[in-house]
Protein backbone atom coordinates (compact mmCIF):
# COMPACT_ATOMS: atom_id res chain seq x y z
CA MET A 1 -47.01 -6.97 -26.02
CA ASN A 2 -47.11 -10.45 -24.65
CA LYS A 3 -45.41 -11.70 -21.48
CA LYS A 4 -42.48 -13.34 -23.33
CA MET A 5 -41.71 -10.10 -25.18
CA HIS A 6 -41.56 -8.17 -21.88
CA ILE A 7 -39.12 -10.70 -20.43
CA VAL A 8 -36.92 -10.55 -23.54
CA LEU A 9 -36.78 -6.75 -23.34
CA ILE A 10 -36.29 -6.50 -19.58
CA LEU A 11 -33.57 -9.17 -19.14
CA PRO A 12 -30.82 -7.23 -21.02
CA ILE A 13 -31.63 -4.10 -19.02
CA ILE A 14 -31.38 -5.96 -15.71
CA ALA A 15 -28.13 -7.65 -16.79
CA GLY A 16 -26.65 -4.27 -17.74
CA LEU A 17 -27.59 -2.75 -14.39
CA LEU A 18 -26.07 -5.67 -12.50
CA LEU A 19 -22.81 -5.40 -14.46
CA ALA A 20 -22.63 -1.66 -13.83
CA ALA A 21 -23.21 -2.17 -10.11
CA CYS A 22 -20.47 -4.79 -9.90
CA SER A 23 -17.90 -2.69 -11.73
CA SER A 24 -18.54 0.55 -9.84
CA GLY A 25 -16.68 -0.57 -6.70
CA LYS A 26 -13.71 1.59 -5.68
CA THR A 27 -10.34 0.00 -6.36
CA ASN A 28 -6.90 1.24 -5.42
CA PRO A 29 -4.79 2.33 -8.38
CA SER A 30 -1.53 0.53 -8.99
CA LEU A 31 1.44 1.52 -6.85
CA SER A 32 3.80 0.47 -9.65
CA ASP A 33 6.26 3.18 -10.65
CA THR A 34 5.61 5.39 -7.60
CA ASN A 35 7.93 6.90 -4.99
CA TRP A 36 7.00 7.76 -1.40
CA LYS A 37 8.49 9.55 1.62
CA LEU A 38 7.87 8.43 5.21
CA VAL A 39 5.91 10.96 7.29
CA SER A 40 5.07 8.90 10.38
CA TYR A 41 4.99 5.30 11.59
CA GLY A 42 3.98 3.12 14.50
CA PRO A 43 0.73 2.71 16.42
CA VAL A 44 -2.43 3.53 14.48
CA SER A 45 -3.77 5.46 17.48
CA SER A 46 -0.65 7.63 17.92
CA PRO A 47 1.81 7.56 14.99
CA ILE A 48 5.39 8.71 15.62
CA PRO A 49 6.71 11.48 13.32
CA ALA A 50 9.54 10.34 11.04
CA ALA A 51 13.02 11.32 12.24
CA GLU A 52 13.95 14.83 11.11
CA GLY A 53 16.83 15.35 8.70
CA ILE A 54 16.73 11.77 7.40
CA GLU A 55 15.94 11.18 3.74
CA THR A 56 13.50 8.29 3.47
CA SER A 57 12.05 6.64 0.40
CA LEU A 58 9.86 3.73 -0.58
CA LYS A 59 9.88 3.04 -4.32
CA PHE A 60 7.54 0.62 -6.08
CA GLY A 61 8.96 -0.29 -9.48
CA ALA A 62 6.94 -1.17 -12.57
CA ASP A 63 8.91 -4.45 -12.61
CA GLY A 64 7.57 -5.65 -9.23
CA GLN A 65 10.66 -4.52 -7.33
CA VAL A 66 10.46 -2.44 -4.16
CA GLY A 67 13.28 -0.59 -2.46
CA GLY A 68 14.37 2.46 -0.58
CA ASN A 69 15.57 3.62 2.80
CA LEU A 70 13.33 3.92 5.86
CA GLY A 71 15.82 5.41 8.29
CA CYS A 72 19.26 3.86 8.13
CA ASN A 73 19.86 1.02 5.65
CA ALA A 74 19.06 0.66 1.98
CA PHE A 75 16.72 -2.24 1.24
CA GLY A 76 15.14 -4.00 -1.70
CA GLY A 77 12.95 -6.91 -2.64
CA GLU A 78 9.80 -7.83 -4.49
CA PHE A 79 6.16 -6.82 -4.12
CA THR A 80 2.83 -7.82 -5.57
CA GLN A 81 -0.40 -5.86 -5.35
CA LYS A 82 -3.88 -7.38 -5.34
CA GLY A 83 -6.63 -4.87 -4.68
CA ASP A 84 -5.90 -3.21 -1.36
CA GLN A 85 -3.26 -5.76 -0.33
CA LEU A 86 0.50 -5.73 -0.81
CA THR A 87 2.73 -8.74 -0.39
CA PHE A 88 6.42 -8.11 0.22
CA ASP A 89 8.83 -10.93 -0.49
CA ALA A 90 12.58 -11.50 -0.29
CA LEU A 91 13.32 -8.15 1.37
CA ILE A 92 17.03 -7.66 2.01
CA SER A 93 18.92 -4.70 3.44
CA THR A 94 22.36 -3.46 4.26
CA MET A 95 23.30 -3.98 7.91
CA MET A 96 24.76 -0.69 9.12
CA ALA A 97 24.29 0.29 12.74
CA CYS A 98 22.72 3.70 13.17
CA GLN A 99 21.80 5.97 16.03
CA GLU A 100 18.36 6.43 17.51
CA PRO A 101 15.72 7.29 16.48
CA GLN A 102 16.67 6.03 13.00
CA MET A 103 17.19 2.41 14.14
CA SER A 104 13.81 2.20 15.87
CA GLN A 105 12.10 3.90 12.94
CA GLU A 106 13.62 1.41 10.52
CA SER A 107 12.95 -1.62 12.71
CA ILE A 108 9.27 -0.76 13.18
CA SER A 109 8.92 0.12 9.49
CA PHE A 110 10.39 -3.22 8.38
CA SER A 111 8.11 -5.10 10.77
CA ILE A 112 5.11 -3.38 9.16
CA LEU A 113 6.27 -4.43 5.67
CA ALA A 114 6.45 -8.12 6.64
CA GLY A 115 4.41 -10.47 4.46
CA THR A 116 0.95 -9.47 3.23
CA VAL A 117 -0.42 -6.15 4.43
CA ASN A 118 -3.35 -3.85 3.67
CA PHE A 119 -2.96 -0.35 2.33
CA GLN A 120 -5.08 2.71 1.63
CA LEU A 121 -4.33 5.30 -1.04
CA ASP A 122 -5.91 8.74 -0.70
CA GLY A 123 -4.59 11.10 -3.37
CA ASP A 124 -0.92 11.68 -2.53
CA LYS A 125 -1.15 9.90 0.84
CA LEU A 126 -0.37 6.21 1.26
CA THR A 127 -1.04 4.31 4.48
CA ILE A 128 0.31 0.77 4.86
CA TYR A 129 -1.12 -1.25 7.75
CA ALA A 130 0.75 -4.06 9.49
CA ALA A 131 -0.91 -7.47 9.20
CA SER A 132 -1.91 -7.14 12.87
CA GLY A 133 -3.66 -3.83 12.12
CA GLU A 134 -1.95 -2.24 15.13
CA ASN A 135 0.85 -0.36 13.34
CA GLN A 136 1.04 1.69 10.17
CA LEU A 137 3.34 3.61 7.84
CA ASN A 138 2.11 7.01 6.63
CA LEU A 139 3.78 8.22 3.46
CA ILE A 140 3.43 11.05 0.94
CA ARG A 141 4.03 10.83 -2.80
CA GLN A 142 7.32 12.22 -4.10
């Protein structure tokens, strides 16, 4: 075979290998239509266990809506997911006063969900990191 024939045969093989390499990167599955329970929150180095006896939830709807209860008040808003980033927008909540530790748990949790944040999904475990990277929410799938 001549040199041109080798190039014609090798180029499609190289292109196929490059495409396979580019598409083999790990991506987080969609959080749409999932429901989570808070397990712990706070500093990455020493998370605080979620308050006992308090039903918590974080629901990501297929329609781009997010809502739930992270300690005291019901909340809702919108979310978008791009890769391993979540952007929360227009979050609103009821304004009931609650006892400790629920109020602190909720306050820290809401501060973590502010704006665009990173997340990691590992099976039935979801970790959402504050934009600063210093705090996190640890949740399990419901």
